[in-house]
N, C-alpha and C. Protein backbone atom coordinates (compact mmCIF):
# COMPACT_ATOMS: atom_id res chain seq x y z
N MET A 1 -8.06 -2.82 2.05
CA MET A 1 -9.12 -1.88 1.77
C MET A 1 -9.73 -1.51 3.10
N ILE A 2 -10.02 -0.27 3.20
CA ILE A 2 -10.59 0.34 4.32
C ILE A 2 -12.13 0.57 4.05
N TYR A 3 -12.98 0.23 4.93
CA TYR A 3 -14.42 0.60 4.82
C TYR A 3 -14.93 0.72 6.09
N ALA A 4 -16.15 1.37 6.25
CA ALA A 4 -17.03 1.58 7.37
C ALA A 4 -18.47 1.20 6.93
N ILE A 5 -19.05 0.34 7.67
CA ILE A 5 -20.38 -0.16 7.59
C ILE A 5 -21.25 0.71 8.45
N LYS A 6 -22.30 1.22 7.87
CA LYS A 6 -23.29 2.15 8.49
C LYS A 6 -24.04 1.29 9.59
N LYS A 7 -23.99 1.81 10.84
CA LYS A 7 -24.65 1.17 11.95
C LYS A 7 -26.17 1.63 11.97
N GLN A 8 -26.92 0.74 12.68
CA GLN A 8 -28.36 1.15 12.76
C GLN A 8 -28.47 2.50 13.45
N ASN A 9 -29.38 3.40 12.97
CA ASN A 9 -29.70 4.75 13.56
C ASN A 9 -28.44 5.66 13.49
N GLU A 10 -27.50 5.45 12.49
CA GLU A 10 -26.30 6.25 12.36
C GLU A 10 -26.46 7.13 11.21
N SER A 11 -26.21 8.50 11.45
CA SER A 11 -26.34 9.44 10.36
C SER A 11 -25.13 9.33 9.44
N ASN A 12 -25.42 9.90 8.11
CA ASN A 12 -24.34 9.84 7.16
C ASN A 12 -23.24 10.68 7.58
N GLU A 13 -23.35 11.73 8.26
CA GLU A 13 -22.23 12.60 8.74
C GLU A 13 -21.43 11.91 9.77
N ARG A 14 -22.12 11.07 10.62
CA ARG A 14 -21.33 10.35 11.62
C ARG A 14 -20.47 9.19 10.96
N LEU A 15 -21.11 8.68 9.98
CA LEU A 15 -20.38 7.55 9.27
C LEU A 15 -19.24 8.12 8.55
N MET A 16 -19.39 9.28 7.96
CA MET A 16 -18.15 9.88 7.22
C MET A 16 -17.11 10.25 8.33
N SER A 17 -17.43 10.79 9.42
CA SER A 17 -16.38 11.16 10.29
C SER A 17 -15.71 9.80 11.03
N ARG A 18 -16.39 8.85 11.09
CA ARG A 18 -15.90 7.49 11.49
C ARG A 18 -14.90 7.05 10.43
N PHE A 19 -15.32 7.03 9.23
CA PHE A 19 -14.42 6.69 8.15
C PHE A 19 -13.19 7.51 8.11
N LYS A 20 -13.22 8.81 8.26
CA LYS A 20 -12.06 9.62 8.24
C LYS A 20 -11.06 9.21 9.28
N LYS A 21 -11.67 8.98 10.47
CA LYS A 21 -10.86 8.52 11.54
C LYS A 21 -10.09 7.31 11.33
N ILE A 22 -10.79 6.30 10.65
CA ILE A 22 -10.06 5.13 10.23
C ILE A 22 -8.92 5.34 9.29
N VAL A 23 -9.31 6.23 8.38
CA VAL A 23 -8.26 6.40 7.33
C VAL A 23 -7.04 7.14 7.91
N GLN A 24 -7.22 8.00 8.87
CA GLN A 24 -6.19 8.78 9.55
C GLN A 24 -5.21 7.80 10.39
N ARG A 25 -5.99 6.95 11.07
CA ARG A 25 -5.25 5.88 11.88
C ARG A 25 -4.46 5.04 11.03
N SER A 26 -4.81 4.71 9.77
CA SER A 26 -4.04 3.82 8.97
C SER A 26 -2.87 4.48 8.32
N ARG A 27 -2.84 5.83 8.24
CA ARG A 27 -1.80 6.58 7.66
C ARG A 27 -1.65 6.42 6.24
N ILE A 28 -2.76 6.07 5.54
CA ILE A 28 -2.68 6.00 4.12
C ILE A 28 -2.49 7.21 3.37
N MET A 29 -3.21 8.30 3.76
CA MET A 29 -3.09 9.59 3.10
C MET A 29 -1.63 10.14 3.38
N GLU A 30 -1.19 9.97 4.54
CA GLU A 30 0.25 10.37 4.75
C GLU A 30 1.28 9.77 3.95
N THR A 31 1.18 8.39 3.67
CA THR A 31 2.23 7.83 2.86
C THR A 31 2.06 8.24 1.47
N LYS A 32 0.74 8.39 1.03
CA LYS A 32 0.43 8.90 -0.31
C LYS A 32 1.07 10.28 -0.59
N ARG A 33 0.91 11.14 0.39
CA ARG A 33 1.54 12.53 0.22
C ARG A 33 2.91 12.49 0.18
N SER A 34 3.57 11.66 0.91
CA SER A 34 5.09 11.54 1.05
C SER A 34 5.57 11.02 -0.23
N ARG A 35 4.87 10.12 -0.88
CA ARG A 35 5.43 9.54 -2.11
C ARG A 35 5.14 10.59 -3.26
N TYR A 36 4.02 11.37 -3.20
CA TYR A 36 3.74 12.34 -4.20
C TYR A 36 4.89 13.51 -4.11
N HIS A 37 5.12 13.99 -2.93
CA HIS A 37 5.92 15.13 -2.75
C HIS A 37 7.24 14.60 -2.12
N GLU A 38 8.05 13.82 -2.94
CA GLU A 38 9.28 13.36 -2.35
C GLU A 38 10.29 14.49 -2.32
N GLN A 39 11.00 14.52 -1.07
CA GLN A 39 11.90 15.57 -0.71
C GLN A 39 13.28 15.26 -1.48
N LYS A 40 13.93 16.37 -1.76
CA LYS A 40 15.32 16.21 -2.31
C LYS A 40 16.29 15.66 -1.27
N PRO A 41 17.22 14.92 -1.50
CA PRO A 41 18.09 14.56 -0.46
C PRO A 41 18.98 15.61 0.02
N THR A 42 19.19 15.68 1.30
CA THR A 42 19.90 16.75 2.03
C THR A 42 21.42 16.62 1.75
N LYS A 43 22.17 17.70 1.93
CA LYS A 43 23.64 17.59 1.76
C LYS A 43 24.18 16.57 2.70
N LYS A 44 23.74 16.58 3.84
CA LYS A 44 24.35 15.60 4.87
C LYS A 44 24.13 14.16 4.38
N TYR A 45 22.95 13.83 3.92
CA TYR A 45 22.61 12.47 3.29
C TYR A 45 23.54 12.17 2.25
N ILE A 46 23.78 13.04 1.26
CA ILE A 46 24.63 12.89 0.11
C ILE A 46 26.03 12.52 0.53
N ARG A 47 26.56 13.32 1.45
CA ARG A 47 27.96 13.23 1.97
C ARG A 47 28.10 11.90 2.53
N GLU A 48 27.12 11.50 3.48
CA GLU A 48 27.27 10.17 4.06
C GLU A 48 27.21 9.06 3.19
N ALA A 49 26.35 9.16 2.03
CA ALA A 49 26.32 8.08 1.00
C ALA A 49 27.57 7.99 0.34
N ALA A 50 28.22 9.10 -0.03
CA ALA A 50 29.46 9.10 -0.65
C ALA A 50 30.66 8.57 0.20
N VAL A 51 30.64 8.71 1.53
CA VAL A 51 31.51 8.08 2.44
C VAL A 51 31.46 6.68 2.38
N LYS A 52 30.08 6.18 2.47
CA LYS A 52 29.85 4.67 2.50
C LYS A 52 30.27 4.09 1.13
N ARG A 53 29.99 4.71 0.08
CA ARG A 53 30.49 4.17 -1.21
C ARG A 53 31.88 4.02 -1.31
N ALA A 54 32.65 5.02 -0.73
CA ALA A 54 34.19 4.96 -0.82
C ALA A 54 34.56 3.81 0.11
N GLN A 55 33.90 3.69 1.30
CA GLN A 55 34.35 2.49 2.12
C GLN A 55 34.02 1.22 1.48
N TYR A 56 32.92 1.08 0.90
CA TYR A 56 32.67 -0.27 0.28
C TYR A 56 33.64 -0.44 -1.01
N ARG A 57 33.92 0.62 -1.65
CA ARG A 57 34.93 0.44 -2.88
C ARG A 57 36.22 0.09 -2.35
N LYS A 58 36.71 0.56 -1.28
CA LYS A 58 37.98 0.25 -0.76
C LYS A 58 37.95 -1.21 -0.23
N LYS A 59 36.87 -1.58 0.31
CA LYS A 59 36.75 -3.01 0.89
C LYS A 59 36.77 -4.07 -0.29
N ARG A 60 36.08 -3.69 -1.39
CA ARG A 60 36.00 -4.55 -2.55
C ARG A 60 37.35 -4.65 -3.16
N GLU A 61 38.09 -3.70 -3.26
CA GLU A 61 39.46 -3.68 -3.93
C GLU A 61 40.39 -4.41 -3.10
N LYS A 62 40.22 -4.43 -1.77
CA LYS A 62 41.15 -5.17 -0.97
C LYS A 62 40.80 -6.65 -1.08
N ALA A 63 39.47 -6.93 -1.12
CA ALA A 63 39.00 -8.25 -1.24
C ALA A 63 39.42 -8.94 -2.55
N LYS A 64 39.61 -8.10 -3.58
CA LYS A 64 39.98 -8.66 -4.97
C LYS A 64 41.29 -9.20 -4.94
N PHE A 65 42.25 -8.74 -4.10
CA PHE A 65 43.63 -9.12 -4.07
C PHE A 65 43.88 -10.28 -3.07
N TYR A 66 43.05 -10.34 -1.93
CA TYR A 66 43.30 -11.35 -0.92
C TYR A 66 42.23 -12.41 -0.87
N SER A 67 41.62 -12.69 -1.87
CA SER A 67 40.53 -13.76 -2.01
C SER A 67 41.01 -15.01 -2.70
């Protein structure tokens, strides 16, 4: 949990700006936005995943006969 305690003789505007800086440094909002707006997988990623699946499938088939 992130919080900012008001210092002596500190204005509310200054407290808010200090709190905003703390939140930005922690990247909480950035991760929240990225989770909310998930991107579709790219064609390159889909292709790489398919190749990996094929490799693992081949490896498992081979291990089935030689174990």
